[in-house]
Amino acid sequence: MTEGRRWYDKDPVLKEALELLKLQTDETKAEAADYILKLQEQVAADVIEHLYETVAKYQGKGNRWYDHDPVMMKAIEMLRLAPPKMQRIAALKLLLALEQKSAEHFDA
């Protein structure tokens, strides 16, 4: 896919977080999805409605790496629909958590 065409390419931190998440184990992806879904509490109801419409439309049918996992798809769509400031905060926290998890594997 061409650089700059995805919604998260606009923010280098968010882009790095999602690219790193894509490479993680299913267990780590599930933990990350749970974290991202906690954003739901901070997002307006109309955004939530749009989220469910998008998930229903693309679940299992899309070409994106997260389209075939319903929990991950919901989490990534939630992140996509969140305000930019919230996206960046979530991306930074996600990067820190993923880096710490990677470091734990090297310690073992």
PDB file of N, CA and C in Angstrom:
ATOM      1  N   MET A   1       0.849  -1.182   0.000  1.00  0.00           N
ATOM      2  CA  MET A   1       0.000   0.000   0.000  1.00  0.00           C
ATOM      3  C   MET A   1       0.886   1.234   0.000  1.00  0.00           C
ATOM      4  N   THR A   2       0.477   2.234  -0.698  1.00  0.00           N
ATOM      5  CA  THR A   2       1.250   3.462  -0.829  1.00  0.00           C
ATOM      6  C   THR A   2       1.313   4.202   0.496  1.00  0.00           C
ATOM      7  N   GLU A   3       2.494   4.707   0.825  1.00  0.00           N
ATOM      8  CA  GLU A   3       2.669   5.470   2.066  1.00  0.00           C
ATOM      9  C   GLU A   3       1.737   6.671   2.088  1.00  0.00           C
ATOM     10  N   GLY A   4       1.198   6.963   3.232  1.00  0.00           N
ATOM     11  CA  GLY A   4       0.362   8.143   3.400  1.00  0.00           C
ATOM     12  C   GLY A   4      -1.088   7.936   3.022  1.00  0.00           C
ATOM     13  N   ARG A   5      -1.464   6.746   2.615  1.00  0.00           N
ATOM     14  CA  ARG A   5      -2.840   6.502   2.196  1.00  0.00           C
ATOM     15  C   ARG A   5      -3.700   5.971   3.323  1.00  0.00           C
ATOM     16  N   ARG A   6      -3.104   5.417   4.346  1.00  0.00           N
ATOM     17  CA  ARG A   6      -3.880   4.869   5.449  1.00  0.00           C
ATOM     18  C   ARG A   6      -4.166   5.983   6.452  1.00  0.00           C
ATOM     19  N   TRP A   7      -5.263   5.873   7.165  1.00  0.00           N
ATOM     20  CA  TRP A   7      -5.674   6.922   8.089  1.00  0.00           C
ATOM     21  C   TRP A   7      -4.628   7.178   9.156  1.00  0.00           C
ATOM     22  N   TYR A   8      -3.874   6.189   9.547  1.00  0.00           N
ATOM     23  CA  TYR A   8      -2.894   6.358  10.629  1.00  0.00           C
ATOM     24  C   TYR A   8      -1.521   6.788  10.152  1.00  0.00           C
ATOM     25  N   ASP A   9      -1.322   6.916   8.857  1.00  0.00           N
ATOM     26  CA  ASP A   9      -0.022   7.350   8.338  1.00  0.00           C
ATOM     27  C   ASP A   9       0.268   8.819   8.641  1.00  0.00           C
ATOM     28  N   LYS A  10      -0.747   9.590   8.976  1.00  0.00           N
ATOM     29  CA  LYS A  10      -0.576  11.021   9.243  1.00  0.00           C
ATOM     30  C   LYS A  10       0.228  11.286  10.518  1.00  0.00           C
ATOM     31  N   ASP A  11       0.161  10.357  11.471  1.00  0.00           N
ATOM     32  CA  ASP A  11       0.853  10.526  12.753  1.00  0.00           C
ATOM     33  C   ASP A  11       1.928   9.451  12.863  1.00  0.00           C
ATOM     34  N   PRO A  12       3.207   9.835  12.877  1.00  0.00           N
ATOM     35  CA  PRO A  12       4.283   8.833  12.896  1.00  0.00           C
ATOM     36  C   PRO A  12       4.250   7.922  14.122  1.00  0.00           C
ATOM     37  N   VAL A  13       3.812   8.426  15.255  1.00  0.00           N
ATOM     38  CA  VAL A  13       3.747   7.599  16.459  1.00  0.00           C
ATOM     39  C   VAL A  13       2.641   6.560  16.314  1.00  0.00           C
ATOM     40  N   LEU A  14       1.494   6.990  15.842  1.00  0.00           N
ATOM     41  CA  LEU A  14       0.376   6.080  15.640  1.00  0.00           C
ATOM     42  C   LEU A  14       0.726   5.036  14.578  1.00  0.00           C
ATOM     43  N   LYS A  15       1.370   5.471  13.522  1.00  0.00           N
ATOM     44  CA  LYS A  15       1.788   4.560  12.458  1.00  0.00           C
ATOM     45  C   LYS A  15       2.744   3.499  13.008  1.00  0.00           C
ATOM     46  N   GLU A  16       3.726   3.924  13.779  1.00  0.00           N
ATOM     47  CA  GLU A  16       4.689   2.987  14.352  1.00  0.00           C
ATOM     48  C   GLU A  16       4.000   1.998  15.287  1.00  0.00           C
ATOM     49  N   ALA A  17       3.076   2.495  16.106  1.00  0.00           N
ATOM     50  CA  ALA A  17       2.369   1.625  17.050  1.00  0.00           C
ATOM     51  C   ALA A  17       1.575   0.551  16.307  1.00  0.00           C
ATOM     52  N   LEU A  18       0.865   0.935  15.267  1.00  0.00           N
ATOM     53  CA  LEU A  18       0.055  -0.040  14.537  1.00  0.00           C
ATOM     54  C   LEU A  18       0.907  -0.995  13.716  1.00  0.00           C
ATOM     55  N   GLU A  19       1.994  -0.516  13.162  1.00  0.00           N
ATOM     56  CA  GLU A  19       2.898  -1.407  12.424  1.00  0.00           C
ATOM     57  C   GLU A  19       3.529  -2.426  13.374  1.00  0.00           C
ATOM     58  N   LEU A  20       3.903  -1.991  14.559  1.00  0.00           N
ATOM     59  CA  LEU A  20       4.472  -2.899  15.550  1.00  0.00           C
ATOM     60  C   LEU A  20       3.413  -3.880  16.046  1.00  0.00           C
ATOM     61  N   LEU A  21       2.211  -3.404  16.269  1.00  0.00           N
ATOM     62  CA  LEU A  21       1.117  -4.263  16.722  1.00  0.00           C
ATOM     63  C   LEU A  21       0.841  -5.360  15.701  1.00  0.00           C
ATOM     64  N   LYS A  22       0.902  -5.015  14.447  1.00  0.00           N
ATOM     65  CA  LYS A  22       0.649  -5.977  13.365  1.00  0.00           C
ATOM     66  C   LYS A  22       1.576  -7.188  13.463  1.00  0.00           C
ATOM     67  N   LEU A  23       2.781  -7.002  13.970  1.00  0.00           N
ATOM     68  CA  LEU A  23       3.785  -8.062  14.025  1.00  0.00           C
ATOM     69  C   LEU A  23       3.737  -8.903  15.305  1.00  0.00           C
ATOM     70  N   GLN A  24       2.858  -8.556  16.225  1.00  0.00           N
ATOM     71  CA  GLN A  24       2.822  -9.217  17.528  1.00  0.00           C
ATOM     72  C   GLN A  24       2.092 -10.559  17.474  1.00  0.00           C
ATOM     73  N   THR A  25       2.250 -11.321  18.548  1.00  0.00           N
ATOM     74  CA  THR A  25       1.546 -12.600  18.680  1.00  0.00           C
ATOM     75  C   THR A  25       0.059 -12.331  18.879  1.00  0.00           C
ATOM     76  N   ASP A  26      -0.749 -13.357  18.672  1.00  0.00           N
ATOM     77  CA  ASP A  26      -2.188 -13.214  18.859  1.00  0.00           C
ATOM     78  C   ASP A  26      -2.523 -12.820  20.293  1.00  0.00           C
ATOM     79  N   GLU A  27      -1.776 -13.355  21.249  1.00  0.00           N
ATOM     80  CA  GLU A  27      -2.014 -13.029  22.659  1.00  0.00           C
ATOM     81  C   GLU A  27      -1.759 -11.542  22.924  1.00  0.00           C
ATOM     82  N   THR A  28      -0.669 -11.034  22.410  1.00  0.00           N
ATOM     83  CA  THR A  28      -0.341  -9.620  22.588  1.00  0.00           C
ATOM     84  C   THR A  28      -1.357  -8.740  21.869  1.00  0.00           C
ATOM     85  N   LYS A  29      -1.770  -9.151  20.681  1.00  0.00           N
ATOM     86  CA  LYS A  29      -2.798  -8.394  19.953  1.00  0.00           C
ATOM     87  C   LYS A  29      -4.092  -8.336  20.752  1.00  0.00           C
ATOM     88  N   ALA A  30      -4.457  -9.441  21.384  1.00  0.00           N
ATOM     89  CA  ALA A  30      -5.683  -9.469  22.189  1.00  0.00           C
ATOM     90  C   ALA A  30      -5.586  -8.514  23.372  1.00  0.00           C
ATOM     91  N   GLU A  31      -4.430  -8.490  24.026  1.00  0.00           N
ATOM     92  CA  GLU A  31      -4.232  -7.571  25.152  1.00  0.00           C
ATOM     93  C   GLU A  31      -4.302  -6.121  24.674  1.00  0.00           C
ATOM     94  N   ALA A  32      -3.693  -5.855  23.525  1.00  0.00           N
ATOM     95  CA  ALA A  32      -3.717  -4.500  22.972  1.00  0.00           C
ATOM     96  C   ALA A  32      -5.134  -4.100  22.581  1.00  0.00           C
ATOM     97  N   ALA A  33      -5.876  -5.031  22.002  1.00  0.00           N
ATOM     98  CA  ALA A  33      -7.258  -4.740  21.611  1.00  0.00           C
ATOM     99  C   ALA A  33      -8.089  -4.382  22.838  1.00  0.00           C
ATOM    100  N   ASP A  34      -7.910  -5.138  23.926  1.00  0.00           N
ATOM    101  CA  ASP A  34      -8.639  -4.830  25.165  1.00  0.00           C
ATOM    102  C   ASP A  34      -8.319  -3.421  25.642  1.00  0.00           C
ATOM    103  N   TYR A  35      -7.045  -3.059  25.585  1.00  0.00           N
ATOM    104  CA  TYR A  35      -6.645  -1.716  26.007  1.00  0.00           C
ATOM    105  C   TYR A  35      -7.304  -0.654  25.125  1.00  0.00           C
ATOM    106  N   ILE A  36      -7.229  -0.838  23.828  1.00  0.00           N
ATOM    107  CA  ILE A  36      -7.776   0.160  22.904  1.00  0.00           C
ATOM    108  C   ILE A  36      -9.294   0.279  23.076  1.00  0.00           C
ATOM    109  N   LEU A  37      -9.951  -0.848  23.305  1.00  0.00           N
ATOM    110  CA  LEU A  37     -11.409  -0.814  23.462  1.00  0.00           C
ATOM    111  C   LEU A  37     -11.852  -0.032  24.698  1.00  0.00           C
ATOM    112  N   LYS A  38     -10.954   0.151  25.642  1.00  0.00           N
ATOM    113  CA  LYS A  38     -11.292   0.964  26.812  1.00  0.00           C
ATOM    114  C   LYS A  38     -11.530   2.424  26.434  1.00  0.00           C
ATOM    115  N   LEU A  39     -11.075   2.810  25.247  1.00  0.00           N
ATOM    116  CA  LEU A  39     -11.336   4.164  24.754  1.00  0.00           C
ATOM    117  C   LEU A  39     -12.827   4.412  24.555  1.00  0.00           C
ATOM    118  N   GLN A  40     -13.567   3.332  24.402  1.00  0.00           N
ATOM    119  CA  GLN A  40     -15.002   3.431  24.151  1.00  0.00           C
ATOM    120  C   GLN A  40     -15.692   4.308  25.184  1.00  0.00           C
ATOM    121  N   GLU A  41     -15.201   4.267  26.405  1.00  0.00           N
ATOM    122  CA  GLU A  41     -15.799   5.057  27.476  1.00  0.00           C
ATOM    123  C   GLU A  41     -15.649   6.557  27.226  1.00  0.00           C
ATOM    124  N   GLN A  42     -14.684   6.944  26.394  1.00  0.00           N
ATOM    125  CA  GLN A  42     -14.397   8.355  26.183  1.00  0.00           C
ATOM    126  C   GLN A  42     -14.868   8.875  24.828  1.00  0.00           C
ATOM    127  N   VAL A  43     -15.492   8.016  24.026  1.00  0.00           N
ATOM    128  CA  VAL A  43     -15.900   8.405  22.679  1.00  0.00           C
ATOM    129  C   VAL A  43     -17.406   8.589  22.636  1.00  0.00           C
ATOM    130  N   ALA A  44     -17.859   9.590  21.903  1.00  0.00           N
ATOM    131  CA  ALA A  44     -19.278   9.942  21.824  1.00  0.00           C
ATOM    132  C   ALA A  44     -20.117   8.809  21.229  1.00  0.00           C
ATOM    133  N   ALA A  45     -21.398   8.808  21.555  1.00  0.00           N
ATOM    134  CA  ALA A  45     -22.316   7.763  21.113  1.00  0.00           C
ATOM    135  C   ALA A  45     -22.422   7.670  19.592  1.00  0.00           C
ATOM    136  N   ASP A  46     -22.393   8.797  18.884  1.00  0.00           N
ATOM    137  CA  ASP A  46     -22.503   8.746  17.427  1.00  0.00           C
ATOM    138  C   ASP A  46     -21.285   8.068  16.797  1.00  0.00           C
ATOM    139  N   VAL A  47     -20.140   8.232  17.426  1.00  0.00           N
ATOM    140  CA  VAL A  47     -18.932   7.565  16.949  1.00  0.00           C
ATOM    141  C   VAL A  47     -19.064   6.061  17.162  1.00  0.00           C
ATOM    142  N   ILE A  48     -19.617   5.669  18.292  1.00  0.00           N
ATOM    143  CA  ILE A  48     -19.816   4.253  18.603  1.00  0.00           C
ATOM    144  C   ILE A  48     -20.751   3.622  17.576  1.00  0.00           C
ATOM    145  N   GLU A  49     -21.816   4.316  17.221  1.00  0.00           N
ATOM    146  CA  GLU A  49     -22.764   3.800  16.226  1.00  0.00           C
ATOM    147  C   GLU A  49     -22.065   3.592  14.881  1.00  0.00           C
ATOM    148  N   HIS A  50     -21.258   4.567  14.475  1.00  0.00           N
ATOM    149  CA  HIS A  50     -20.508   4.447  13.218  1.00  0.00           C
ATOM    150  C   HIS A  50     -19.531   3.270  13.288  1.00  0.00           C
ATOM    151  N   LEU A  51     -18.944   3.077  14.436  1.00  0.00           N
ATOM    152  CA  LEU A  51     -18.013   1.965  14.637  1.00  0.00           C
ATOM    153  C   LEU A  51     -18.703   0.639  14.359  1.00  0.00           C
ATOM    154  N   TYR A  52     -19.872   0.439  14.933  1.00  0.00           N
ATOM    155  CA  TYR A  52     -20.564  -0.828  14.747  1.00  0.00           C
ATOM    156  C   TYR A  52     -21.023  -1.029  13.308  1.00  0.00           C
ATOM    157  N   GLU A  53     -21.384   0.042  12.626  1.00  0.00           N
ATOM    158  CA  GLU A  53     -21.742  -0.060  11.206  1.00  0.00           C
ATOM    159  C   GLU A  53     -20.531  -0.498  10.390  1.00  0.00           C
ATOM    160  N   THR A  54     -19.384   0.083  10.661  1.00  0.00           N
ATOM    161  CA  THR A  54     -18.157  -0.262   9.937  1.00  0.00           C
ATOM    162  C   THR A  54     -17.757  -1.702  10.200  1.00  0.00           C
ATOM    163  N   VAL A  55     -17.821  -2.127  11.443  1.00  0.00           N
ATOM    164  CA  VAL A  55     -17.458  -3.498  11.791  1.00  0.00           C
ATOM    165  C   VAL A  55     -18.386  -4.481  11.082  1.00  0.00           C
ATOM    166  N   ALA A  56     -19.683  -4.208  11.093  1.00  0.00           N
ATOM    167  CA  ALA A  56     -20.641  -5.091  10.426  1.00  0.00           C
ATOM    168  C   ALA A  56     -20.373  -5.168   8.925  1.00  0.00           C
ATOM    169  N   LYS A  57     -19.974  -4.072   8.342  1.00  0.00           N
ATOM    170  CA  LYS A  57     -19.745  -4.010   6.896  1.00  0.00           C
ATOM    171  C   LYS A  57     -18.496  -4.786   6.468  1.00  0.00           C
ATOM    172  N   TYR A  58     -17.400  -4.684   7.226  1.00  0.00           N
ATOM    173  CA  TYR A  58     -16.125  -5.227   6.788  1.00  0.00           C
ATOM    174  C   TYR A  58     -15.663  -6.500   7.484  1.00  0.00           C
ATOM    175  N   GLN A  59     -16.288  -6.867   8.575  1.00  0.00           N
ATOM    176  CA  GLN A  59     -15.790  -7.997   9.356  1.00  0.00           C
ATOM    177  C   GLN A  59     -15.635  -9.252   8.495  1.00  0.00           C
ATOM    178  N   GLY A  60     -14.426  -9.769   8.443  1.00  0.00           N
ATOM    179  CA  GLY A  60     -14.127 -10.973   7.694  1.00  0.00           C
ATOM    180  C   GLY A  60     -14.063 -10.799   6.189  1.00  0.00           C
ATOM    181  N   LYS A  61     -14.345  -9.589   5.702  1.00  0.00           N
ATOM    182  CA  LYS A  61     -14.394  -9.359   4.260  1.00  0.00           C
ATOM    183  C   LYS A  61     -13.302  -8.422   3.770  1.00  0.00           C
ATOM    184  N   GLY A  62     -12.705  -7.677   4.651  1.00  0.00           N
ATOM    185  CA  GLY A  62     -11.737  -6.663   4.246  1.00  0.00           C
ATOM    186  C   GLY A  62     -10.363  -7.233   3.963  1.00  0.00           C
ATOM    187  N   ASN A  63      -9.501  -6.382   3.455  1.00  0.00           N
ATOM    188  CA  ASN A  63      -8.137  -6.773   3.112  1.00  0.00           C
ATOM    189  C   ASN A  63      -7.109  -6.337   4.146  1.00  0.00           C
ATOM    190  N   ARG A  64      -7.539  -5.564   5.134  1.00  0.00           N
ATOM    191  CA  ARG A  64      -6.598  -5.080   6.135  1.00  0.00           C
ATOM    192  C   ARG A  64      -6.218  -6.204   7.085  1.00  0.00           C
ATOM    193  N   TRP A  65      -5.034  -6.131   7.669  1.00  0.00           N
ATOM    194  CA  TRP A  65      -4.533  -7.205   8.521  1.00  0.00           C
ATOM    195  C   TRP A  65      -5.428  -7.483   9.713  1.00  0.00           C
ATOM    196  N   TYR A  66      -6.213  -6.523  10.133  1.00  0.00           N
ATOM    197  CA  TYR A  66      -7.046  -6.710  11.316  1.00  0.00           C
ATOM    198  C   TYR A  66      -8.503  -7.037  10.995  1.00  0.00           C
ATOM    199  N   ASP A  67      -8.878  -7.124   9.742  1.00  0.00           N
ATOM    200  CA  ASP A  67     -10.274  -7.353   9.365  1.00  0.00           C
ATOM    201  C   ASP A  67     -10.794  -8.749   9.705  1.00  0.00           C
ATOM    202  N   HIS A  68      -9.920  -9.699   9.914  1.00  0.00           N
ATOM    203  CA  HIS A  68     -10.363 -11.076  10.140  1.00  0.00           C
ATOM    204  C   HIS A  68     -10.430 -11.453  11.617  1.00  0.00           C
ATOM    205  N   ASP A  69     -10.115 -10.532  12.477  1.00  0.00           N
ATOM    206  CA  ASP A  69     -10.224 -10.741  13.921  1.00  0.00           C
ATOM    207  C   ASP A  69     -11.231  -9.712  14.426  1.00  0.00           C
ATOM    208  N   PRO A  70     -12.434 -10.143  14.809  1.00  0.00           N
ATOM    209  CA  PRO A  70     -13.484  -9.176  15.159  1.00  0.00           C
ATOM    210  C   PRO A  70     -13.129  -8.252  16.322  1.00  0.00           C
ATOM    211  N   VAL A  71     -12.410  -8.753  17.313  1.00  0.00           N
ATOM    212  CA  VAL A  71     -12.039  -7.907  18.450  1.00  0.00           C
ATOM    213  C   VAL A  71     -11.000  -6.877  18.016  1.00  0.00           C
ATOM    214  N   MET A  72      -9.989  -7.328  17.259  1.00  0.00           N
ATOM    215  CA  MET A  72      -8.952  -6.405  16.801  1.00  0.00           C
ATOM    216  C   MET A  72      -9.543  -5.373  15.849  1.00  0.00           C
ATOM    217  N   MET A  73     -10.450  -5.814  14.983  1.00  0.00           N
ATOM    218  CA  MET A  73     -11.071  -4.870  14.051  1.00  0.00           C
ATOM    219  C   MET A  73     -11.829  -3.786  14.807  1.00  0.00           C
ATOM    220  N   LYS A  74     -12.585  -4.192  15.800  1.00  0.00           N
ATOM    221  CA  LYS A  74     -13.334  -3.219  16.605  1.00  0.00           C
ATOM    222  C   LYS A  74     -12.375  -2.263  17.303  1.00  0.00           C
ATOM    223  N   ALA A  75     -11.293  -2.791  17.840  1.00  0.00           N
ATOM    224  CA  ALA A  75     -10.319  -1.955  18.545  1.00  0.00           C
ATOM    225  C   ALA A  75      -9.668  -0.938  17.606  1.00  0.00           C
ATOM    226  N   ILE A  76      -9.244  -1.388  16.436  1.00  0.00           N
ATOM    227  CA  ILE A  76      -8.570  -0.490  15.498  1.00  0.00           C
ATOM    228  C   ILE A  76      -9.553   0.554  14.965  1.00  0.00           C
ATOM    229  N   GLU A  77     -10.786   0.157  14.699  1.00  0.00           N
ATOM    230  CA  GLU A  77     -11.787   1.124  14.238  1.00  0.00           C
ATOM    231  C   GLU A  77     -12.079   2.152  15.330  1.00  0.00           C
ATOM    232  N   MET A  78     -12.111   1.694  16.587  1.00  0.00           N
ATOM    233  CA  MET A  78     -12.317   2.615  17.708  1.00  0.00           C
ATOM    234  C   MET A  78     -11.183   3.638  17.731  1.00  0.00           C
ATOM    235  N   LEU A  79      -9.971   3.176  17.543  1.00  0.00           N
ATOM    236  CA  LEU A  79      -8.819   4.063  17.524  1.00  0.00           C
ATOM    237  C   LEU A  79      -8.902   5.034  16.347  1.00  0.00           C
ATOM    238  N   ARG A  80      -9.309   4.530  15.196  1.00  0.00           N
ATOM    239  CA  ARG A  80      -9.415   5.367  13.992  1.00  0.00           C
ATOM    240  C   ARG A  80     -10.430   6.501  14.194  1.00  0.00           C
ATOM    241  N   LEU A  81     -11.513   6.211  14.890  1.00  0.00           N
ATOM    242  CA  LEU A  81     -12.579   7.191  15.072  1.00  0.00           C
ATOM    243  C   LEU A  81     -12.346   8.128  16.256  1.00  0.00           C
ATOM    244  N   ALA A  82     -11.368   7.822  17.071  1.00  0.00           N
ATOM    245  CA  ALA A  82     -11.068   8.660  18.238  1.00  0.00           C
ATOM    246  C   ALA A  82     -10.444   9.981  17.783  1.00  0.00           C
ATOM    247  N   PRO A  83     -10.565  11.021  18.602  1.00  0.00           N
ATOM    248  CA  PRO A  83      -9.918  12.294  18.276  1.00  0.00           C
ATOM    249  C   PRO A  83      -8.398  12.118  18.172  1.00  0.00           C
ATOM    250  N   PRO A  84      -7.734  12.921  17.335  1.00  0.00           N
ATOM    251  CA  PRO A  84      -6.279  12.781  17.138  1.00  0.00           C
ATOM    252  C   PRO A  84      -5.467  12.776  18.431  1.00  0.00           C
ATOM    253  N   LYS A  85      -5.833  13.609  19.383  1.00  0.00           N
ATOM    254  CA  LYS A  85      -5.082  13.648  20.644  1.00  0.00           C
ATOM    255  C   LYS A  85      -5.181  12.302  21.367  1.00  0.00           C
ATOM    256  N   MET A  86      -6.376  11.728  21.364  1.00  0.00           N
ATOM    257  CA  MET A  86      -6.585  10.437  22.017  1.00  0.00           C
ATOM    258  C   MET A  86      -5.847   9.330  21.247  1.00  0.00           C
ATOM    259  N   GLN A  87      -5.822   9.424  19.926  1.00  0.00           N
ATOM    260  CA  GLN A  87      -5.086   8.448  19.115  1.00  0.00           C
ATOM    261  C   GLN A  87      -3.611   8.449  19.500  1.00  0.00           C
ATOM    262  N   ARG A  88      -3.060   9.649  19.619  1.00  0.00           N
ATOM    263  CA  ARG A  88      -1.628   9.768  19.917  1.00  0.00           C
ATOM    264  C   ARG A  88      -1.304   9.239  21.314  1.00  0.00           C
ATOM    265  N   ILE A  89      -2.144   9.552  22.288  1.00  0.00           N
ATOM    266  CA  ILE A  89      -1.929   9.059  23.652  1.00  0.00           C
ATOM    267  C   ILE A  89      -1.994   7.535  23.668  1.00  0.00           C
ATOM    268  N   ALA A  90      -3.003   6.977  22.999  1.00  0.00           N
ATOM    269  CA  ALA A  90      -3.149   5.521  22.944  1.00  0.00           C
ATOM    270  C   ALA A  90      -1.953   4.891  22.238  1.00  0.00           C
ATOM    271  N   ALA A  91      -1.493   5.513  21.164  1.00  0.00           N
ATOM    272  CA  ALA A  91      -0.351   4.984  20.414  1.00  0.00           C
ATOM    273  C   ALA A  91       0.909   4.975  21.270  1.00  0.00           C
ATOM    274  N   LEU A  92       1.136   6.049  22.005  1.00  0.00           N
ATOM    275  CA  LEU A  92       2.319   6.109  22.875  1.00  0.00           C
ATOM    276  C   LEU A  92       2.263   5.032  23.954  1.00  0.00           C
ATOM    277  N   LYS A  93       1.107   4.864  24.579  1.00  0.00           N
ATOM    278  CA  LYS A  93       0.959   3.843  25.612  1.00  0.00           C
ATOM    279  C   LYS A  93       1.124   2.450  25.020  1.00  0.00           C
ATOM    280  N   LEU A  94       0.579   2.261  23.825  1.00  0.00           N
ATOM    281  CA  LEU A  94       0.691   0.974  23.158  1.00  0.00           C
ATOM    282  C   LEU A  94       2.142   0.658  22.809  1.00  0.00           C
ATOM    283  N   LEU A  95       2.858   1.648  22.294  1.00  0.00           N
ATOM    284  CA  LEU A  95       4.277   1.447  21.984  1.00  0.00           C
ATOM    285  C   LEU A  95       5.066   1.071  23.227  1.00  0.00           C
ATOM    286  N   LEU A  96       4.832   1.777  24.316  1.00  0.00           N
ATOM    287  CA  LEU A  96       5.542   1.466  25.559  1.00  0.00           C
ATOM    288  C   LEU A  96       5.239   0.051  26.030  1.00  0.00           C
ATOM    289  N   ALA A  97       3.973  -0.337  25.974  1.00  0.00           N
ATOM    290  CA  ALA A  97       3.585  -1.680  26.417  1.00  0.00           C
ATOM    291  C   ALA A  97       4.190  -2.755  25.520  1.00  0.00           C
ATOM    292  N   LEU A  98       4.179  -2.528  24.211  1.00  0.00           N
ATOM    293  CA  LEU A  98       4.728  -3.516  23.282  1.00  0.00           C
ATOM    294  C   LEU A  98       6.242  -3.622  23.431  1.00  0.00           C
ATOM    295  N   GLU A  99       6.914  -2.492  23.641  1.00  0.00           N
ATOM    296  CA  GLU A  99       8.362  -2.521  23.835  1.00  0.00           C
ATOM    297  C   GLU A  99       8.724  -3.252  25.126  1.00  0.00           C
ATOM    298  N   GLN A 100       7.937  -3.022  26.168  1.00  0.00           N
ATOM    299  CA  GLN A 100       8.195  -3.689  27.436  1.00  0.00           C
ATOM    300  C   GLN A 100       7.964  -5.187  27.284  1.00  0.00           C
ATOM    301  N   LYS A 101       6.915  -5.569  26.585  1.00  0.00           N
ATOM    302  CA  LYS A 101       6.628  -6.990  26.370  1.00  0.00           C
ATOM    303  C   LYS A 101       7.753  -7.648  25.573  1.00  0.00           C
ATOM    304  N   SER A 102       8.275  -6.959  24.556  1.00  0.00           N
ATOM    305  CA  SER A 102       9.398  -7.490  23.770  1.00  0.00           C
ATOM    306  C   SER A 102      10.621  -7.671  24.646  1.00  0.00           C
ATOM    307  N   ALA A 103      10.889  -6.730  25.511  1.00  0.00           N
ATOM    308  CA  ALA A 103      12.049  -6.804  26.396  1.00  0.00           C
ATOM    309  C   ALA A 103      11.914  -7.992  27.355  1.00  0.00           C
ATOM    310  N   GLU A 104      10.696  -8.299  27.792  1.00  0.00           N
ATOM    311  CA  GLU A 104      10.475  -9.414  28.697  1.00  0.00           C
ATOM    312  C   GLU A 104      10.847 -10.730  28.028  1.00  0.00           C
ATOM    313  N   HIS A 105      10.607 -10.847  26.729  1.00  0.00           N
ATOM    314  CA  HIS A 105      10.937 -12.066  26.016  1.00  0.00           C
ATOM    315  C   HIS A 105      12.449 -12.289  25.962  1.00  0.00           C
ATOM    316  N   PHE A 106      13.226 -11.212  25.907  1.00  0.00           N
ATOM    317  CA  PHE A 106      14.667 -11.333  25.871  1.00  0.00           C
ATOM    318  C   PHE A 106      15.246 -11.660  27.232  1.00  0.00           C
ATOM    319  N   ASP A 107      14.537 -11.291  28.297  1.00  0.00           N
ATOM    320  CA  ASP A 107      14.997 -11.568  29.656  1.00  0.00           C
ATOM    321  C   ASP A 107      14.821 -13.031  30.029  1.00  0.00           C
ATOM    322  N   ALA A 108      13.891 -13.688  29.393  1.00  0.00           N
ATOM    323  CA  ALA A 108      13.555 -15.085  29.768  1.00  0.00           C
ATOM    324  C   ALA A 108      14.623 -16.064  29.356  1.00  0.00           C
TER     325      ALA A 108
END
